[in-house]
Protein backbone atom coordinates (compact mmCIF):
# COMPACT_ATOMS: atom_id res chain seq x y z
CA MET A 1 -20.54 19.56 8.81
CA ASN A 2 -21.68 22.36 6.84
CA THR A 3 -18.91 25.15 6.31
CA SER A 4 -15.37 25.40 5.13
CA ALA A 5 -14.49 26.52 8.56
CA ASP A 6 -15.92 23.27 9.75
CA LEU A 7 -14.01 21.29 7.20
CA ARG A 8 -10.57 22.94 8.13
CA ARG A 9 -11.40 22.51 12.04
CA PHE A 10 -12.11 19.20 11.46
CA ALA A 11 -8.86 18.20 8.93
CA VAL A 12 -6.73 19.80 12.10
CA GLY A 13 -8.32 18.74 14.72
CA ARG A 14 -8.40 15.01 14.13
CA SER A 15 -4.82 14.56 12.78
CA LEU A 16 -3.18 16.59 15.33
CA PHE A 17 -3.87 14.40 18.27
CA ARG A 18 -1.86 14.05 21.41
CA ALA A 19 -1.00 10.57 22.23
CA ALA A 20 0.03 8.84 25.67
CA ASN A 21 3.37 8.20 24.09
CA LEU A 22 5.21 7.31 20.82
CA GLU A 23 3.77 3.87 20.44
CA ARG A 24 0.55 4.78 20.71
CA ALA A 25 1.07 7.37 18.28
CA LEU A 26 2.72 4.89 15.62
CA GLU A 27 -0.50 3.00 16.46
CA ARG A 28 -2.82 5.46 15.82
CA MET A 29 -1.09 7.00 12.16
CA ALA A 30 -0.02 3.33 11.23
CA PHE A 31 2.47 5.17 8.62
CA VAL A 32 4.81 7.80 9.03
CA GLN A 33 6.63 9.10 6.12
CA ALA A 34 10.48 9.11 6.19
CA ASP A 35 12.88 11.30 5.00
CA PRO A 36 16.76 11.77 5.09
CA ILE A 37 16.90 15.69 4.97
CA ARG A 38 17.65 17.09 8.60
CA SER A 39 16.90 20.84 8.49
CA PRO A 40 16.28 21.51 11.34
CA ALA A 41 15.32 17.63 11.88
CA ARG A 42 14.52 14.62 9.70
CA ALA A 43 10.76 14.89 8.55
CA GLN A 44 9.60 11.88 10.45
CA ASP A 45 10.79 13.34 13.76
CA LEU A 46 9.02 16.83 12.85
CA THR A 47 5.92 14.78 12.21
CA LEU A 48 5.80 13.00 15.46
CA ARG A 49 6.56 15.91 17.72
CA PRO A 50 3.37 17.49 17.94
CA ARG A 51 1.26 14.41 18.52
CA VAL A 52 3.84 12.90 21.06
CA PRO A 53 4.26 14.87 24.43
CA GLY A 54 8.13 14.98 25.33
CA TYR A 55 9.41 13.97 21.85
CA ARG A 56 13.05 14.78 21.34
CA ALA A 57 14.67 14.62 17.38
CA GLY A 58 16.21 10.93 17.24
CA ASP A 59 13.61 9.27 19.40
CA LEU A 60 12.19 7.10 16.55
CA GLU A 61 15.14 5.83 15.16
CA ALA A 62 16.59 5.27 18.85
CA HIS A 63 13.59 3.30 19.88
CA TYR A 64 13.15 1.61 16.78
CA PRO A 65 14.47 -1.91 17.43
CA VAL A 66 11.98 -2.24 20.29
CA LEU A 67 8.81 -0.82 18.49
CA PRO A 68 6.24 -2.68 16.67
CA ILE A 69 6.96 -1.07 13.47
CA GLU A 70 9.12 -1.98 10.29
CA GLU A 71 10.57 0.21 7.42
CA ASP A 72 8.75 -0.06 4.38
CA PHE A 73 6.84 1.29 1.31
CA PHE A 74 3.40 2.18 1.67
CA ILE A 75 2.32 4.89 -0.53
CA ASN A 76 5.61 6.51 0.17
CA TYR A 77 8.69 5.14 2.07
CA GLY A 78 8.58 5.25 5.90
CA PHE A 79 7.70 3.58 9.03
CA VAL A 80 4.75 1.24 9.04
CA THR A 81 2.89 -0.54 12.03
CA ARG A 82 3.28 -4.47 11.59
CA SER A 83 -0.41 -4.86 11.30
CA LEU A 84 -0.49 -2.75 8.19
CA GLN A 85 2.65 -4.43 6.92
CA ALA A 86 0.69 -7.67 7.32
CA LEU A 87 -2.27 -6.09 4.60
CA MET A 88 0.88 -5.39 2.06
CA HIS A 89 2.98 -8.63 2.27
CA PRO A 90 4.05 -11.21 0.65
CA ARG A 91 4.42 -9.22 -2.55
CA SER A 92 4.88 -12.62 -4.74
CA SER A 93 4.52 -11.09 -7.89
CA LEU A 94 7.78 -9.22 -7.71
CA THR A 95 11.33 -10.14 -8.31
CA PRO A 96 13.70 -10.92 -7.16
CA THR A 97 12.51 -14.32 -6.04
CA ALA A 98 14.01 -17.22 -4.23
CA SER A 99 15.55 -18.86 -7.16
CA ASN A 100 17.66 -15.44 -8.13
CA ARG A 101 21.07 -16.94 -7.77
CA ARG A 102 22.31 -13.24 -6.69
CA ALA A 103 19.33 -13.08 -4.26
CA ARG A 104 19.76 -16.36 -3.09
CA ALA A 105 23.47 -15.99 -2.18
CA ILE A 106 22.92 -12.56 -0.32
CA LEU A 107 19.91 -14.17 1.82
CA ASP A 108 22.28 -16.92 2.70
CA PHE A 109 25.11 -14.55 3.41
CA VAL A 110 22.61 -12.39 5.77
CA ARG A 111 21.30 -15.37 7.43
CA ASP A 112 24.46 -16.57 8.64
CA ARG A 113 25.66 -13.33 9.80
CA GLY A 114 22.32 -12.16 11.61
CA SER A 115 22.41 -8.80 10.36
CA VAL A 116 24.61 -7.09 7.95
CA HIS A 117 25.72 -3.61 6.61
CA PRO A 118 25.42 -3.18 3.02
CA ARG A 119 29.27 -2.36 2.87
CA ASP A 120 30.00 -5.96 4.19
CA VAL A 121 27.77 -7.46 1.80
CA ASP A 122 29.16 -5.10 -1.17
CA ALA A 123 32.77 -6.26 -0.13
CA HIS A 124 32.16 -10.00 -0.21
CA PHE A 125 30.20 -9.87 -3.46
CA ALA A 126 30.96 -7.11 -5.54
CA HIS A 127 28.63 -6.81 -7.98
CA GLY A 128 29.64 -3.92 -9.44
CA ARG A 129 27.68 -0.61 -10.39
CA VAL A 130 24.19 -0.12 -11.83
CA THR A 131 22.18 3.04 -12.80
CA ASN A 132 20.01 4.31 -9.81
CA TRP A 133 16.44 5.48 -9.89
CA TRP A 134 18.19 8.99 -10.00
CA GLY A 135 20.26 8.68 -13.21
CA GLY A 136 23.52 8.41 -11.03
CA GLN A 137 25.84 5.55 -10.13
CA SER A 138 25.57 3.09 -7.31
CA SER A 139 26.30 -0.25 -5.85
CA ALA A 140 24.59 -3.19 -7.42
CA THR A 141 24.48 -5.15 -4.39
CA THR A 142 23.19 -2.18 -2.88
CA HIS A 143 20.59 -1.92 -5.37
CA LEU A 144 19.61 -5.73 -4.98
CA LEU A 145 19.48 -5.25 -1.09
CA ASP A 146 16.49 -2.27 -1.79
CA LEU A 147 14.89 -4.84 -3.70
CA MET A 148 15.04 -7.62 -1.45
CA HIS A 149 13.87 -5.08 1.47
CA TYR A 150 10.83 -4.24 -1.12
CA LYS A 151 10.00 -7.45 -2.02
CA GLY A 152 9.87 -8.69 1.94
CA MET A 153 13.27 -10.86 1.68
CA LEU A 154 14.98 -8.57 4.40
CA ARG A 155 14.01 -6.13 6.85
CA VAL A 156 15.66 -2.95 8.59
CA THR A 157 16.92 -3.95 12.14
CA ARG A 158 18.09 -0.51 12.88
CA ARG A 159 20.41 2.16 11.23
CA ASP A 160 24.01 2.78 11.64
CA ASN A 161 24.73 6.84 10.96
CA GLY A 162 21.65 6.39 9.07
CA ILE A 163 22.45 3.41 6.82
CA ARG A 164 20.04 0.43 7.02
CA ILE A 165 21.36 -2.57 8.83
CA TYR A 166 19.68 -5.56 7.14
CA ALA A 167 18.08 -9.00 8.68
CA ALA A 168 16.66 -11.88 6.67
CA THR A 169 12.92 -12.42 7.18
CA GLN A 170 9.80 -14.11 5.65
CA HIS A 171 6.12 -13.01 5.61
CA GLY A 172 3.21 -15.54 6.21
CA GLU A 173 1.10 -16.58 3.11
CA GLY A 174 -1.23 -14.31 1.51
CA PRO A 175 -5.01 -13.79 1.49
CA VAL A 176 -6.57 -17.01 0.15
CA GLY A 177 -9.33 -16.26 -2.08
CA ALA A 178 -11.40 -12.85 -3.59
CA ALA A 179 -12.83 -12.11 -0.22
CA ALA A 180 -10.02 -12.13 1.68
CA ARG A 181 -7.98 -10.19 -0.95
CA ARG A 182 -10.74 -7.54 -1.17
CA ALA A 183 -10.51 -7.27 2.93
CA HIS A 184 -6.64 -6.55 2.61
CA LEU A 185 -7.29 -4.03 0.02
CA ASP A 186 -10.06 -2.57 1.76
CA GLY A 187 -7.71 -2.16 5.21
CA LEU A 188 -4.89 -0.53 3.16
CA VAL A 189 -7.66 1.84 2.18
CA ASP A 190 -8.98 2.74 5.38
CA ALA A 191 -5.42 3.40 6.53
CA VAL A 192 -4.72 5.69 4.16
CA ALA A 193 -8.03 7.39 4.58
CA SER A 194 -7.75 7.77 8.39
CA LEU A 195 -4.44 9.28 7.55
CA TYR A 196 -4.81 12.07 5.49
CA ALA A 197 -8.69 12.66 5.72
CA PRO A 198 -10.96 14.54 4.96
CA VAL A 199 -10.04 14.03 1.38
CA PRO A 200 -11.68 15.68 -1.80
CA ALA A 201 -12.90 13.13 -4.00
CA SER A 202 -10.17 13.57 -6.65
CA ARG A 203 -7.48 13.24 -3.99
CA LEU A 204 -9.13 10.10 -2.74
CA SER A 205 -8.56 8.82 -6.14
CA PHE A 206 -4.92 9.94 -6.21
CA LEU A 207 -4.42 8.44 -2.66
CA VAL A 208 -5.75 4.98 -3.55
CA SER A 209 -3.98 4.53 -6.58
CA ARG A 210 -0.79 4.96 -4.48
CA LEU A 211 -1.41 1.92 -3.27
CA ARG A 212 -0.10 0.05 -6.00
CA TYR A 213 3.38 0.63 -4.54
CA ALA A 214 1.98 -1.15 -1.08
CA ALA A 215 0.37 -3.86 -2.97
CA PRO A 216 2.00 -4.13 -6.45
CA GLN A 217 0.52 -7.44 -6.53
CA TRP A 218 -3.16 -6.47 -6.49
CA ARG A 219 -2.59 -3.26 -8.66
CA GLY A 220 -5.42 -4.20 -11.20
CA GLU A 221 -8.00 -4.46 -7.98
CA ILE A 222 -7.31 -0.91 -6.74
CA LYS A 223 -10.20 1.10 -8.90
CA SER A 224 -12.55 -1.43 -7.36
CA ALA A 225 -11.49 -0.91 -3.85
CA LEU A 226 -11.44 3.01 -4.40
CA GLN A 227 -15.29 2.39 -5.20
CA ARG A 228 -16.04 0.38 -2.35
CA ALA A 229 -14.19 2.77 0.07
CA LYS A 230 -16.69 5.53 -1.20
CA SER A 231 -19.80 3.78 -0.72
CA ARG A 232 -18.71 2.98 3.05
CA PHE A 233 -17.25 6.06 3.90
CA ASP A 234 -19.12 9.57 5.47
CA ARG A 235 -18.86 12.39 3.24
CA ALA A 236 -20.07 15.92 3.10
CA THR A 237 -20.14 18.76 -0.25
CA ILE A 238 -18.90 21.81 0.72
CA ASP A 239 -18.27 24.56 -1.78
CA GLY A 240 -19.17 22.11 -4.69
CA HIS A 241 -16.44 19.78 -3.60
CA THR A 242 -17.47 16.22 -2.11
CA TRP A 243 -15.22 15.35 0.89
CA TYR A 244 -14.98 11.71 2.06
CA TRP A 245 -13.79 10.40 5.54
CA PRO A 246 -13.64 7.06 7.45
CA ALA A 247 -17.33 6.29 8.82
CA GLY A 248 -18.21 7.07 12.33
CA GLU A 249 -15.87 9.56 12.81
CA ASP A 250 -17.04 12.35 15.22
CA THR A 251 -16.44 15.63 13.09
CA ALA A 252 -17.47 18.43 16.11
CA VAL A 253 -13.53 18.55 16.88
CA VAL A 254 -12.10 21.21 19.36
CA GLU A 255 -10.21 23.88 17.60
CA ILE A 256 -6.29 23.74 18.62
CA ASP A 257 -5.54 27.17 20.06
CA ALA A 258 -2.00 27.16 19.07
CA VAL A 259 0.93 27.56 16.88
CA ARG A 260 2.28 24.75 15.17
CA PHE A 261 5.47 24.14 12.74
CA LEU A 262 4.57 21.09 10.65
CA ALA A 263 6.80 19.04 8.80
CA PRO A 264 6.77 19.45 5.13
CA PHE A 265 5.06 15.62 4.89
CA ASP A 266 2.83 16.28 7.72
CA PRO A 267 -0.57 14.59 7.02
CA VAL A 268 -2.11 17.82 7.67
CA VAL A 269 -0.14 19.52 4.54
CA TRP A 270 1.40 16.48 2.63
CA ASP A 271 -1.51 16.67 -0.32
CA ARG A 272 -0.15 19.95 -1.96
CA ARG A 273 -4.20 20.25 -3.98
CA ARG A 274 -5.76 19.43 -0.69
CA PHE A 275 -3.84 22.11 1.22
CA GLU A 276 -4.60 24.88 -1.68
CA MET A 277 -8.41 23.74 -1.29
CA LEU A 278 -8.05 24.42 2.53
CA TRP A 279 -6.02 27.29 3.32
CA GLY A 280 -5.83 29.15 -0.48
CA TRP A 281 -2.42 29.38 -1.31
CA ALA A 282 0.15 27.31 -2.57
CA TYR A 283 2.82 25.40 -0.55
CA ARG A 284 6.10 23.88 -2.12
CA PHE A 285 8.47 22.05 -0.71
CA GLU A 286 11.74 23.78 -2.06
CA ALA A 287 14.62 21.44 -0.78
CA TYR A 288 15.32 20.23 -4.33
CA THR A 289 14.53 23.87 -6.21
CA PRO A 290 17.64 25.60 -7.17
CA ALA A 291 18.34 28.28 -4.51
CA PRO A 292 17.87 31.70 -7.07
CA LYS A 293 13.95 30.12 -7.58
CA ARG A 294 13.24 29.38 -3.91
CA LYS A 295 10.31 31.61 -2.67
CA ARG A 296 10.01 30.34 0.84
CA GLY A 297 13.44 28.60 1.77
CA TYR A 298 15.20 25.28 1.74
CA TYR A 299 13.06 23.77 4.18
CA ALA A 300 10.07 25.81 5.08
CA LEU A 301 7.71 24.54 7.56
CA PRO A 302 3.71 25.17 7.31
CA LEU A 303 3.11 27.45 9.88
CA LEU A 304 -0.42 26.53 11.47
CA TRP A 305 -2.73 28.92 13.63
CA ARG A 306 -5.61 27.62 15.05
CA ASP A 307 -7.13 26.01 12.06
CA ARG A 308 -5.53 28.17 9.38
CA VAL A 309 -2.00 27.58 7.73
CA ILE A 310 -1.30 31.04 7.55
CA GLY A 311 2.89 30.98 6.53
CA TRP A 312 5.96 29.23 6.86
CA ALA A 313 9.21 29.09 9.19
CA ASN A 314 12.48 28.42 8.45
CA LEU A 315 14.34 27.41 11.41
CA THR A 316 18.28 27.12 11.99
CA ARG A 317 20.09 25.40 15.30
CA ARG A 318 22.70 27.33 16.56
CA ASP A 319 24.28 25.68 19.86
CA ARG A 320 21.45 25.72 22.33
CA ARG A 321 19.56 28.93 20.29
CA ILE A 322 16.99 28.58 17.71
CA GLU A 323 17.03 30.89 14.44
CA THR A 324 13.79 31.83 12.94
CA MET A 325 12.78 33.25 9.87
CA LEU A 326 9.05 33.72 9.28
CA GLY A 327 7.09 34.47 6.50
CA TYR A 328 3.18 34.84 6.30
CA VAL A 329 0.93 34.86 3.55
CA SER A 330 -0.80 38.02 4.20
CA GLY A 331 2.64 39.95 4.34
CA ARG A 332 2.28 40.29 8.07
CA ALA A 333 1.91 38.11 11.43
CA PRO A 334 -2.27 38.01 12.90
CA ARG A 335 -2.92 40.65 15.43
CA ASP A 336 -4.67 38.34 17.47
CA ARG A 337 -3.69 38.84 21.02
CA GLY A 338 -3.22 35.15 21.87
CA PHE A 339 -0.63 34.54 18.56
CA LYS A 340 2.72 35.82 19.75
CA PRO A 341 2.80 33.87 23.42
CA ALA A 342 1.38 30.77 21.25
CA LEU A 343 4.36 31.42 18.75
CA ASP A 344 7.09 32.20 21.50
CA GLU A 345 5.90 28.89 23.23
CA GLU A 346 6.15 26.73 19.86
CA ILE A 347 9.83 28.01 19.34
CA GLU A 348 10.65 27.02 22.47
CA ALA A 349 9.31 23.63 22.18
CA MET A 350 11.02 23.40 19.22
CA ARG A 351 14.30 24.30 20.92
CA ALA A 352 13.48 21.36 23.26
CA PHE A 353 12.84 19.12 20.65
CA LEU A 354 16.21 19.87 18.95
CA ILE A 355 18.27 20.00 21.81
CA GLY A 356 17.23 17.09 22.87
CA GLU A 357 18.63 15.38 19.76
CA ARG A 358 20.19 11.84 20.26
């Protein structure tokens, strides 16, 4: 791999694989970031759509109870494979602990009932209100349920109209000894690098630093894990930047001759600085930006054509139709003969994805 064009093809081709089915895609990715906004669909569904043939919006939530995955926090909140989750737990350094009176009472309540809706726990305990992460007020019971889930005392069994339904759980013993601990950390670094590679050196440091959320009990050892990763990963220096990816991968990927609408949190576009380095323009997620200040739209989806992200799309579902508003960095659509039919094919694929929503 010698040129920026090689790098772009590798970045797109290795990430936008086609899996045999949903379970195989999740196994390969290990983590899919979640977001509650549905415009036109939730981020996790938009991320899985181009990788799973026949995928429909809502499939992940519908099949979640029988898939070998869990809701948990990795470098962000989302869905992780159980093998990846096992590398993160137990988060033994965190509160609440089993000796916490309120947590113990809730845990006993959940065990007695098998699974619970947060409103039932809140109605039983009525712990009052607390200030949440965003400065507003929320139920103290709901806040404690979130902490217990993050700690690994509870798991999400399913969703009820978007609300987590919890059951009690218990993780196994953590790694014993420094060598085993390093192996767990190296496994976490490999997982994050595999998902977002190729990664420039500065962004690899950023990505690995976010593992403090996945394994806060080992945050003091993360810098050492980063140095070990740099010594074992493959690398190339292109245009003055050193890029890293997991060792042994074939970098001669086949170019994707298609248009794809990507989720704002898709691994291809998730790191905004890496995005600018690869495609030469700044993409911003503007759902939380005041409407008058938005440049590209509330939920603009990056528009990929072959190995370049050339613009964005805002999609709206109207009954069985999809309204599409497109924007291009250059100010106009590509003149390539194959672009228009590829775009039409992607719009139709998006329509099928949304109309089949559960």
